[in-house]
Amino acid sequence: MIGLHRDELIRALPYGRRYARALTGSQGTGDALVADSLRAILADPYAVEQEPRLALYAHVTGRFNAAGAAAGFGGGGPRGQGAGDEGLSVGQRQLLLLTSLEDLPLADAARIVGLDEDAADRALADARARLHASAATDVLIIEDEPIIAMDIEELVQNCGHRVVGVATTEQQAVDIARRTRPGLILADINLGIGGDGKTAVARIVESHYAPVIFVTAYPERLLTGES
């Protein structure tokens, strides 16, 4: 048995808090979960068989699952219970957070959530596929340089999104947006003789809101503009 000292746990505290806050979706609830876990570990530090960060993750996960079980769902959880719109189980969310946010190896994450490594690998692959599908959206590209437009289009498609149109002028952008109602707009500012990307976006969002990313060699136009 390793046995933990108080200063070792204190060094692990920021990681435990980050994980617990992300897991619960609340700073207050997450911090309270970590505080309860710390008290439990310090009550019997020589019973701990993991290094401090892993021990804290494990206690937070176990306590979160126990609270979920009392509410009617467990860590493996049916889809949709304790999960977001992606339909992830609680266990899948935990695996994603432990491997992606906390950067743990799959073997450590699997032990923490109580799965063998193969089962954890399958659950994680399914979770990532669901997240990828839920994040995909229709993208409008506003860019008058053909080569740059092709590069952006390839990048967008490789990320799993759908390109609904490539506009080279302000009016084309407005027309395509009105017809397709994109979920994201990637816009150049200087469209040469075709007009102004900022103006195109301003016209589009008058009737259809979508997040906008400006891809430009003229950032000062954004920093100094009135809008």
Protein backbone atom coordinates (compact mmCIF):
# COMPACT_ATOMS: atom_id res chain seq x y z
CA MET A 1 0.00 0.00 0.00
CA ILE A 2 1.34 3.41 -0.93
CA GLY A 3 -0.10 5.70 1.72
CA LEU A 4 -0.61 9.35 0.93
CA HIS A 5 0.65 12.48 2.62
CA ARG A 6 -1.45 15.62 2.85
CA ASP A 7 0.93 17.68 0.68
CA GLU A 8 0.74 15.08 -2.10
CA LEU A 9 -3.03 15.38 -2.16
CA ILE A 10 -2.84 19.16 -2.17
CA ARG A 11 -0.69 19.02 -5.30
CA ALA A 12 -3.32 16.79 -6.92
CA LEU A 13 -6.18 19.07 -5.86
CA PRO A 14 -6.33 21.33 -8.98
CA TYR A 15 -6.65 18.28 -11.22
CA GLY A 16 -9.38 16.76 -9.06
CA ARG A 17 -11.31 20.02 -9.02
CA ARG A 18 -11.08 20.43 -12.78
CA TYR A 19 -12.38 16.91 -13.34
CA ALA A 20 -15.16 17.18 -10.74
CA ARG A 21 -16.37 20.55 -12.05
CA ALA A 22 -16.51 19.23 -15.61
CA LEU A 23 -18.20 16.02 -14.48
CA THR A 24 -20.91 17.74 -12.44
CA GLY A 25 -21.25 20.85 -14.59
CA SER A 26 -21.02 23.01 -11.48
CA GLN A 27 -18.13 24.65 -9.69
CA GLY A 28 -19.80 24.44 -6.29
CA THR A 29 -20.99 20.86 -6.65
CA GLY A 30 -17.66 19.76 -8.08
CA ASP A 31 -15.66 21.37 -5.28
CA ALA A 32 -17.94 19.81 -2.67
CA LEU A 33 -17.41 16.41 -4.28
CA VAL A 34 -13.65 16.88 -4.11
CA ALA A 35 -13.82 18.00 -0.47
CA ASP A 36 -15.79 14.88 0.47
CA SER A 37 -13.29 12.73 -1.42
CA LEU A 38 -10.33 14.34 0.33
CA ARG A 39 -11.86 13.71 3.73
CA ALA A 40 -12.45 10.07 2.86
CA ILE A 41 -8.89 9.58 1.61
CA LEU A 42 -7.29 11.34 4.60
CA ALA A 43 -9.38 9.27 6.99
CA ASP A 44 -7.41 6.20 5.89
CA PRO A 45 -4.49 7.27 3.63
CA TYR A 46 -2.66 3.96 3.93
CA ALA A 47 -5.56 2.12 2.31
CA VAL A 48 -4.90 3.96 -0.96
CA GLU A 49 -3.20 1.89 -3.63
CA GLN A 50 -2.91 4.59 -6.32
CA GLU A 51 -0.84 7.70 -6.78
CA PRO A 52 -2.56 10.87 -5.50
CA ARG A 53 -4.12 12.15 -8.73
CA LEU A 54 -5.56 8.74 -9.63
CA ALA A 55 -6.81 8.22 -6.08
CA LEU A 56 -8.63 11.55 -6.17
CA TYR A 57 -10.15 10.84 -9.58
CA ALA A 58 -11.31 7.44 -8.36
CA HIS A 59 -12.93 8.80 -5.21
CA VAL A 60 -14.65 11.62 -7.09
CA THR A 61 -15.94 9.17 -9.69
CA GLY A 62 -17.15 6.69 -7.08
CA ARG A 63 -18.97 9.34 -5.08
CA PHE A 64 -20.52 10.85 -8.19
CA ASN A 65 -21.76 7.41 -9.26
CA ALA A 66 -23.11 6.69 -5.78
CA ALA A 67 -25.10 9.92 -5.88
CA GLY A 68 -26.34 8.96 -9.34
CA ALA A 69 -27.36 5.49 -8.17
CA ALA A 70 -29.38 7.06 -5.37
CA ALA A 71 -31.11 9.20 -7.99
CA GLY A 72 -31.83 6.18 -10.17
CA PHE A 73 -28.88 5.80 -12.50
CA GLY A 74 -25.35 4.51 -12.18
CA GLY A 75 -21.95 5.24 -13.63
CA GLY A 76 -22.49 2.91 -16.56
CA GLY A 77 -25.85 4.58 -16.88
CA PRO A 78 -28.48 4.22 -19.53
CA ARG A 79 -28.10 6.66 -22.37
CA GLY A 80 -29.61 10.04 -21.77
CA GLN A 81 -29.46 9.80 -17.95
CA GLY A 82 -26.90 12.16 -16.59
CA ALA A 83 -25.74 12.80 -20.13
CA GLY A 84 -26.05 15.55 -22.69
CA ASP A 85 -27.92 15.64 -25.97
CA GLU A 86 -25.26 13.37 -27.49
CA GLY A 87 -26.82 10.43 -25.63
CA LEU A 88 -23.62 9.49 -23.81
CA SER A 89 -23.79 7.35 -20.70
CA VAL A 90 -22.29 8.72 -17.50
CA GLY A 91 -19.45 6.23 -17.82
CA GLN A 92 -18.66 7.43 -21.33
CA ARG A 93 -18.57 11.05 -20.15
CA GLN A 94 -16.17 10.03 -17.39
CA LEU A 95 -13.91 8.21 -19.83
CA LEU A 96 -13.87 11.20 -22.17
CA LEU A 97 -13.01 13.60 -19.36
CA LEU A 98 -10.33 11.37 -17.89
CA THR A 99 -8.60 10.68 -21.21
CA SER A 100 -9.16 13.99 -23.03
CA LEU A 101 -9.33 16.61 -20.29
CA GLU A 102 -7.10 14.94 -17.71
CA ASP A 103 -4.87 13.20 -20.27
CA LEU A 104 -4.86 9.82 -18.52
CA PRO A 105 -3.85 6.63 -20.31
CA LEU A 106 -6.83 4.45 -21.21
CA ALA A 107 -5.76 1.76 -18.74
CA ASP A 108 -5.90 4.19 -15.79
CA ALA A 109 -9.20 5.69 -16.92
CA ALA A 110 -10.71 2.23 -17.33
CA ARG A 111 -9.76 1.24 -13.79
CA ILE A 112 -11.27 4.43 -12.40
CA VAL A 113 -14.64 3.89 -14.07
CA GLY A 114 -14.62 0.17 -13.29
CA LEU A 115 -14.27 -1.30 -16.78
CA ASP A 116 -11.74 -3.60 -18.35
CA GLU A 117 -9.56 -1.92 -20.93
CA ASP A 118 -11.24 -3.46 -23.98
CA ALA A 119 -14.71 -2.44 -22.81
CA ALA A 120 -13.45 1.06 -22.03
CA ASP A 121 -11.88 1.33 -25.47
CA ARG A 122 -15.18 0.40 -27.14
CA ALA A 123 -17.16 2.79 -24.95
CA LEU A 124 -14.73 5.61 -25.69
CA ALA A 125 -14.83 5.00 -29.45
CA ASP A 126 -18.64 5.07 -29.38
CA ALA A 127 -18.62 8.27 -27.30
CA ARG A 128 -16.25 10.03 -29.69
CA ALA A 129 -18.32 8.98 -32.69
CA ARG A 130 -21.47 10.35 -31.04
CA LEU A 131 -19.78 13.63 -30.17
CA HIS A 132 -18.42 13.94 -33.68
CA ALA A 133 -21.85 13.36 -35.20
CA SER A 134 -23.56 15.81 -32.84
CA ALA A 135 -20.99 18.54 -33.53
CA ALA A 136 -21.22 18.35 -37.32
CA THR A 137 -22.90 21.33 -38.93
CA ASP A 138 -23.50 23.08 -42.24
CA VAL A 139 -20.78 25.58 -43.07
CA LEU A 140 -20.84 28.56 -45.41
CA ILE A 141 -17.42 29.69 -46.66
CA ILE A 142 -17.04 33.28 -47.84
CA GLU A 143 -13.71 33.53 -49.71
CA ASP A 144 -12.83 35.00 -53.10
CA GLU A 145 -9.41 33.34 -53.53
CA PRO A 146 -10.06 29.89 -55.13
CA ILE A 147 -7.03 28.10 -53.70
CA ILE A 148 -7.67 29.36 -50.18
CA ALA A 149 -11.35 28.47 -50.51
CA MET A 150 -10.43 24.93 -51.56
CA ASP A 151 -8.05 24.55 -48.60
CA ILE A 152 -10.71 25.76 -46.15
CA GLU A 153 -13.33 23.51 -47.73
CA GLU A 154 -11.07 20.46 -47.37
CA LEU A 155 -10.30 21.33 -43.75
CA VAL A 156 -14.00 21.75 -42.92
CA GLN A 157 -14.93 18.44 -44.55
CA ASN A 158 -12.08 16.60 -42.84
CA CYS A 159 -13.51 17.82 -39.53
CA GLY A 160 -16.79 16.10 -40.39
CA HIS A 161 -18.80 19.19 -41.35
CA ARG A 162 -20.80 19.83 -44.51
CA VAL A 163 -19.98 22.74 -46.82
CA VAL A 164 -23.26 24.15 -48.11
CA GLY A 165 -21.65 26.76 -50.33
CA VAL A 166 -18.56 28.77 -51.19
CA ALA A 167 -19.39 32.42 -51.85
CA THR A 168 -16.92 34.66 -53.63
CA THR A 169 -18.96 37.86 -53.33
CA GLU A 170 -21.01 39.62 -50.70
CA GLN A 171 -24.28 39.06 -52.57
CA GLN A 172 -23.54 35.36 -53.17
CA ALA A 173 -22.92 34.92 -49.45
CA VAL A 174 -26.24 36.51 -48.55
CA ASP A 175 -28.12 34.45 -51.13
CA ILE A 176 -26.54 31.14 -50.06
CA ALA A 177 -27.12 31.86 -46.39
CA ARG A 178 -30.76 32.71 -47.03
CA ARG A 179 -31.23 29.44 -48.92
CA THR A 180 -29.22 27.05 -46.69
CA ARG A 181 -29.27 28.67 -43.21
CA PRO A 182 -25.78 27.45 -42.21
CA GLY A 183 -24.76 26.55 -38.67
CA LEU A 184 -21.36 28.23 -39.04
CA ILE A 185 -19.88 30.91 -41.28
CA LEU A 186 -16.19 31.14 -42.17
CA ALA A 187 -15.65 34.55 -43.73
CA ASP A 188 -12.84 36.45 -45.38
CA ILE A 189 -13.10 40.22 -44.99
CA ASN A 190 -11.58 41.53 -48.19
CA LEU A 191 -13.48 40.05 -51.14
CA GLY A 192 -11.85 42.33 -53.70
CA ILE A 193 -14.32 43.57 -56.27
CA GLY A 194 -16.91 41.22 -54.74
CA GLY A 195 -17.46 43.43 -51.72
CA ASP A 196 -16.83 43.11 -48.00
CA GLY A 197 -17.08 39.97 -45.86
CA LYS A 198 -18.00 41.93 -42.75
CA THR A 199 -20.87 43.58 -44.55
CA ALA A 200 -22.04 40.22 -45.91
CA VAL A 201 -22.06 38.75 -42.39
CA ALA A 202 -23.90 41.78 -41.02
CA ARG A 203 -26.59 41.33 -43.65
CA ILE A 204 -26.85 37.59 -43.02
CA VAL A 205 -27.26 37.84 -39.24
CA GLU A 206 -30.11 40.32 -39.62
CA SER A 207 -32.36 37.36 -40.46
CA HIS A 208 -30.36 34.26 -39.51
CA TYR A 209 -28.03 33.96 -36.54
CA ALA A 210 -24.96 31.74 -36.89
CA PRO A 211 -21.55 31.87 -35.22
CA VAL A 212 -18.91 33.48 -37.42
CA ILE A 213 -15.16 32.94 -37.70
CA PHE A 214 -13.30 35.54 -39.73
CA VAL A 215 -10.36 34.08 -41.65
CA THR A 216 -8.41 37.10 -42.80
CA ALA A 217 -5.06 38.69 -43.45
CA TYR A 218 -6.54 42.01 -42.30
CA PRO A 219 -7.28 41.60 -38.55
CA GLU A 220 -6.97 45.35 -38.05
CA ARG A 221 -10.24 45.70 -39.98
CA LEU A 222 -11.95 43.84 -37.13
CA LEU A 223 -10.08 45.61 -34.34
CA THR A 224 -10.70 49.13 -35.61
CA GLY A 225 -14.14 48.78 -37.19
CA GLU A 226 -17.21 50.36 -35.67
CA SER A 227 -19.28 47.15 -35.64
